């Protein structure tokens, strides 16, 4: 595999890779995530936004791409930063690097990332990527390529008023003086999960934890509800249908 910068005529292949690699997100996530199907014309529009577009080529076929730009960060001095970032004016600035599904999990994404960094290493001091905190697959990919989590951004507009579908909340509560929440919906029942809930809990995980393939199987969720992994699982039931789940485990 080798990488090169965008050439006229690459736009159709890049659009196809984008739409294939992000198919689940395009079809399943709310508009707030800003995943959309793109055309060859959209790819050409990306190039009008001061970004560099790199492609990964294998046997004369484009199998992946990445959008990057170099920005100057102001501080005690000016530093050059390479950002693996989207050019599509996403409010959330998700990094945009993709490999066609047929070639994923074969190391090509890492090769593309590493080769891009090599091309810029003499002119930059840092490389920056962005991902949603609930996108564990992307986090694992960046960690594998030696990235270290540095900043966590809390987007008030989205996190408070329009929470993201897969947002995770981690909180420590003192149980001695824990007050019951107000304004509970009387039509929602909260109870311990039973094995009959396995299919519903599996579907909840498929929709919300898709990057963890293990947790989207019936067998895994059966063992999860049975407590094999040390968790106690509860479900929320609305008008006879399981619509949510939550679990906890004791930290000794």
Protein backbone atom coordinates (compact mmCIF):
# COMPACT_ATOMS: atom_id res chain seq x y z
CA UNK A 1 0.00 0.00 0.00
CA UNK A 2 1.16 3.56 -0.65
CA UNK A 3 -0.38 6.94 0.06
CA UNK A 4 -0.56 10.04 -2.05
CA UNK A 5 -2.44 13.31 -2.09
CA UNK A 6 -5.78 13.68 -3.82
CA UNK A 7 -5.78 13.75 -7.60
CA UNK A 8 -8.59 14.84 -9.90
CA UNK A 9 -10.83 11.83 -10.47
CA UNK A 10 -10.41 10.39 -6.94
CA UNK A 11 -13.60 12.00 -5.67
CA UNK A 12 -16.01 9.18 -6.61
CA UNK A 13 -13.90 6.50 -4.91
CA UNK A 14 -13.55 8.63 -1.77
CA UNK A 15 -17.30 9.25 -1.59
CA UNK A 16 -17.94 5.51 -1.97
CA UNK A 17 -15.48 4.69 0.84
CA UNK A 18 -17.04 7.29 3.13
CA UNK A 19 -20.57 6.03 2.53
CA UNK A 20 -19.51 2.39 3.06
CA UNK A 21 -17.29 2.93 6.09
CA UNK A 22 -19.82 5.11 7.91
CA UNK A 23 -22.95 3.29 6.66
CA UNK A 24 -24.21 2.29 10.11
CA UNK A 25 -23.73 5.79 11.50
CA UNK A 26 -25.41 7.41 8.48
CA UNK A 27 -28.47 5.18 8.74
CA UNK A 28 -28.77 4.82 12.51
CA UNK A 29 -27.54 7.90 14.35
CA UNK A 30 -29.61 11.08 14.82
CA UNK A 31 -28.86 14.13 12.70
CA UNK A 32 -27.04 15.71 15.64
CA UNK A 33 -24.08 13.40 14.91
CA UNK A 34 -23.85 14.97 11.44
CA UNK A 35 -23.06 11.75 9.61
CA UNK A 36 -24.43 12.15 6.09
CA UNK A 37 -24.09 10.34 2.78
CA UNK A 38 -21.80 12.27 0.47
CA UNK A 39 -21.41 12.56 -3.28
CA UNK A 40 -18.36 13.08 -5.47
CA UNK A 41 -19.31 16.75 -5.58
CA UNK A 42 -19.25 16.94 -1.78
CA UNK A 43 -15.71 15.57 -1.78
CA UNK A 44 -14.65 18.31 -4.18
CA UNK A 45 -16.24 20.83 -1.81
CA UNK A 46 -14.03 19.54 1.01
CA UNK A 47 -11.02 20.72 -0.96
CA UNK A 48 -12.27 24.30 -0.83
CA UNK A 49 -11.87 24.40 2.96
CA UNK A 50 -8.08 24.56 3.34
CA UNK A 51 -7.56 20.87 3.99
CA UNK A 52 -5.25 18.25 2.54
CA UNK A 53 -6.89 15.05 1.36
CA UNK A 54 -4.75 11.91 1.36
CA UNK A 55 -5.67 8.55 -0.12
CA UNK A 56 -4.42 5.01 0.53
CA UNK A 57 -3.86 3.02 -2.67
CA UNK A 58 -3.55 -0.75 -2.92
CA UNK A 59 -3.02 -2.44 -6.28
CA UNK A 60 -4.15 0.72 -8.09
CA UNK A 61 -7.39 0.91 -6.07
CA UNK A 62 -8.17 3.58 -3.48
CA UNK A 63 -9.07 1.80 -0.24
CA UNK A 64 -9.02 4.66 2.26
CA UNK A 65 -8.65 8.39 2.82
CA UNK A 66 -7.97 10.97 5.51
CA UNK A 67 -8.61 14.69 5.78
CA UNK A 68 -5.95 16.76 7.52
CA UNK A 69 -4.95 20.37 7.99
CA UNK A 70 -2.10 22.23 9.65
CA UNK A 71 -3.12 24.99 12.05
CA UNK A 72 -1.15 27.45 14.15
CA UNK A 73 -1.93 27.28 17.87
CA UNK A 74 -1.29 30.44 19.87
CA UNK A 75 0.24 30.30 23.34
CA UNK A 76 3.53 31.36 24.82
CA UNK A 77 4.71 30.84 21.25
CA UNK A 78 3.21 29.76 17.97
CA UNK A 79 3.29 26.02 17.23
CA UNK A 80 2.28 24.08 14.15
CA UNK A 81 -0.32 21.37 14.81
CA UNK A 82 -1.45 18.70 12.36
CA UNK A 83 -5.15 18.01 12.83
CA UNK A 84 -6.81 14.87 11.49
CA UNK A 85 -10.10 16.64 11.13
CA UNK A 86 -13.25 16.91 9.09
CA UNK A 87 -13.60 19.68 6.54
CA UNK A 88 -17.38 19.54 6.46
CA UNK A 89 -17.94 22.25 9.06
CA UNK A 90 -19.10 19.75 11.68
CA UNK A 91 -19.83 21.55 14.92
CA UNK A 92 -18.34 18.59 16.79
CA UNK A 93 -15.17 18.38 14.68
CA UNK A 94 -15.00 14.58 14.49
CA UNK A 95 -11.76 13.33 12.94
CA UNK A 96 -12.32 11.90 9.45
CA UNK A 97 -10.19 8.94 8.46
CA UNK A 98 -11.77 5.91 6.79
CA UNK A 99 -10.87 2.56 5.24
CA UNK A 100 -13.25 0.63 3.00
CA UNK A 101 -14.95 -2.14 5.06
CA UNK A 102 -13.40 -4.90 2.91
CA UNK A 103 -9.93 -3.77 4.05
CA UNK A 104 -10.61 -2.91 7.68
CA UNK A 105 -8.85 -4.71 10.56
CA UNK A 106 -5.85 -5.45 8.34
CA UNK A 107 -3.59 -2.62 9.53
CA UNK A 108 -4.22 -0.28 6.60
CA UNK A 109 -5.75 2.44 8.79
CA UNK A 110 -2.67 2.50 11.00
CA UNK A 111 -0.40 2.53 7.96
CA UNK A 112 -2.31 5.48 6.52
CA UNK A 113 -2.12 7.39 9.80
CA UNK A 114 1.59 6.72 10.29
CA UNK A 115 2.52 7.63 6.73
CA UNK A 116 0.64 10.93 6.95
CA UNK A 117 2.44 11.85 10.16
CA UNK A 118 5.79 11.08 8.48
CA UNK A 119 4.97 13.50 5.65
CA UNK A 120 4.45 16.38 8.08
CA UNK A 121 6.86 15.53 10.93
CA UNK A 122 9.49 18.09 9.93
CA UNK A 123 7.04 21.00 10.04
CA UNK A 124 4.76 20.21 13.01
CA UNK A 125 5.11 19.68 16.76
CA UNK A 126 1.85 17.89 17.58
CA UNK A 127 -0.79 15.75 15.93
CA UNK A 128 -4.37 16.18 17.13
CA UNK A 129 -7.43 13.97 16.63
CA UNK A 130 -11.02 14.26 17.86
CA UNK A 131 -13.64 11.62 18.55
CA UNK A 132 -16.86 11.23 20.51
CA UNK A 133 -16.30 9.89 24.03
CA UNK A 134 -18.71 7.01 23.34
CA UNK A 135 -16.93 5.91 20.14
CA UNK A 136 -14.74 3.26 21.72
CA UNK A 137 -13.70 1.84 18.37
CA UNK A 138 -12.17 5.16 17.31
CA UNK A 139 -10.53 5.64 20.71
CA UNK A 140 -8.92 2.20 20.48
CA UNK A 141 -7.65 2.95 16.98
CA UNK A 142 -6.03 6.21 18.07
CA UNK A 143 -4.60 4.66 21.25
CA UNK A 144 -3.10 1.87 19.14
CA UNK A 145 -1.35 4.57 17.13
CA UNK A 146 0.21 6.15 20.25
CA UNK A 147 -2.30 8.96 20.80
CA UNK A 148 -2.94 9.94 24.43
CA UNK A 149 -6.21 11.48 25.63
CA UNK A 150 -5.53 15.09 26.57
CA UNK A 151 -8.70 17.19 26.63
CA UNK A 152 -12.37 16.33 27.05
CA UNK A 153 -14.81 18.88 25.64
CA UNK A 154 -18.29 19.28 27.07
CA UNK A 155 -20.58 20.76 24.42
CA UNK A 156 -23.30 22.48 26.43
CA UNK A 157 -25.65 22.89 23.48
CA UNK A 158 -25.63 19.14 22.83
CA UNK A 159 -24.82 17.63 26.21
CA UNK A 160 -27.54 19.48 28.13
CA UNK A 161 -30.27 20.47 25.71
CA UNK A 162 -29.89 17.74 23.07
CA UNK A 163 -27.92 14.85 24.62
CA UNK A 164 -26.12 12.57 22.20
CA UNK A 165 -27.79 9.17 21.81
CA UNK A 166 -24.84 7.20 23.17
CA UNK A 167 -23.52 9.56 25.83
CA UNK A 168 -22.19 7.78 28.91
CA UNK A 169 -22.41 9.26 32.39
CA UNK A 170 -20.06 8.15 35.16
CA UNK A 171 -20.90 9.42 38.63
CA UNK A 172 -20.13 8.49 42.23
CA UNK A 173 -23.09 8.81 44.56
CA UNK A 174 -23.12 8.70 48.34
CA UNK A 175 -25.85 6.17 49.07
CA UNK A 176 -26.34 7.12 52.73
CA UNK A 177 -28.23 10.29 51.84
CA UNK A 178 -29.36 9.56 48.29
CA UNK A 179 -32.60 11.35 47.45
CA UNK A 180 -35.19 9.91 45.09
CA UNK A 181 -35.50 11.81 41.80
CA UNK A 182 -38.57 13.99 41.32
CA UNK A 183 -41.15 13.88 38.51
CA UNK A 184 -40.78 10.20 37.70
CA UNK A 185 -42.89 8.92 34.82
CA UNK A 186 -45.53 6.67 36.44
CA UNK A 187 -45.76 4.60 33.24
CA UNK A 188 -42.11 3.48 33.50
CA UNK A 189 -41.27 0.41 35.56
CA UNK A 190 -37.73 -0.13 36.81
CA UNK A 191 -36.88 -3.73 37.73
CA UNK A 192 -34.18 -6.39 37.75
CA UNK A 193 -33.50 -7.88 34.34
CA UNK A 194 -34.52 -11.47 33.72
CA UNK A 195 -33.49 -13.87 30.97
CA UNK A 196 -36.69 -13.09 29.06
CA UNK A 197 -35.23 -9.58 28.57
CA UNK A 198 -32.16 -10.90 26.74
CA UNK A 199 -33.35 -10.09 23.22
CA UNK A 200 -34.44 -6.55 24.16
CA UNK A 201 -31.20 -5.79 26.02
CA UNK A 202 -29.21 -7.17 23.08
CA UNK A 203 -31.02 -4.80 20.71
CA UNK A 204 -30.33 -1.87 23.05
CA UNK A 205 -26.63 -2.74 22.97
CA UNK A 206 -26.69 -3.10 19.17
CA UNK A 207 -28.10 0.40 18.82
CA UNK A 208 -25.92 2.07 21.46
CA UNK A 209 -22.68 0.08 21.85
CA UNK A 210 -22.16 -1.04 18.23
CA UNK A 211 -18.37 -0.63 18.43
CA UNK A 212 -18.18 -3.48 20.98
CA UNK A 213 -19.16 -6.49 18.86
CA UNK A 214 -19.03 -8.86 21.81
CA UNK A 215 -21.85 -7.06 23.62
CA UNK A 216 -24.20 -7.27 20.62
CA UNK A 217 -24.65 -11.05 20.73
CA UNK A 218 -27.55 -12.89 22.34
CA UNK A 219 -25.24 -15.27 24.20
CA UNK A 220 -23.13 -12.47 25.70
CA UNK A 221 -26.21 -10.59 26.93
CA UNK A 222 -27.66 -13.76 28.43
CA UNK A 223 -24.49 -14.18 30.50
CA UNK A 224 -24.47 -10.43 31.23
CA UNK A 225 -27.98 -10.63 32.73
CA UNK A 226 -27.09 -13.79 34.64
CA UNK A 227 -24.27 -11.88 36.32
CA UNK A 228 -21.34 -13.78 34.84
CA UNK A 229 -19.30 -10.57 34.55
CA UNK A 230 -20.15 -9.36 38.06
CA UNK A 231 -22.81 -6.83 37.05
CA UNK A 232 -26.33 -6.45 38.37
CA UNK A 233 -28.57 -5.47 35.47
CA UNK A 234 -31.80 -3.47 35.62
CA UNK A 235 -34.19 -2.59 32.82
CA UNK A 236 -36.69 0.22 32.27
CA UNK A 237 -40.04 -0.98 30.94
CA UNK A 238 -42.60 1.28 29.30
CA UNK A 239 -46.05 -0.05 28.49
CA UNK A 240 -44.77 -3.62 28.54
CA UNK A 241 -41.70 -2.96 26.37
CA UNK A 242 -38.10 -2.86 27.60
CA UNK A 243 -36.75 0.52 26.48
CA UNK A 244 -33.54 0.89 28.46
CA UNK A 245 -31.03 -0.87 30.67
CA UNK A 246 -28.50 0.02 33.32
CA UNK A 247 -26.05 -2.04 35.32
CA UNK A 248 -23.70 -1.69 38.24
CA UNK A 249 -21.04 -3.70 40.00
CA UNK A 250 -19.50 -3.37 43.42
CA UNK A 251 -16.03 -1.90 43.45
CA UNK A 252 -14.32 -3.67 46.31
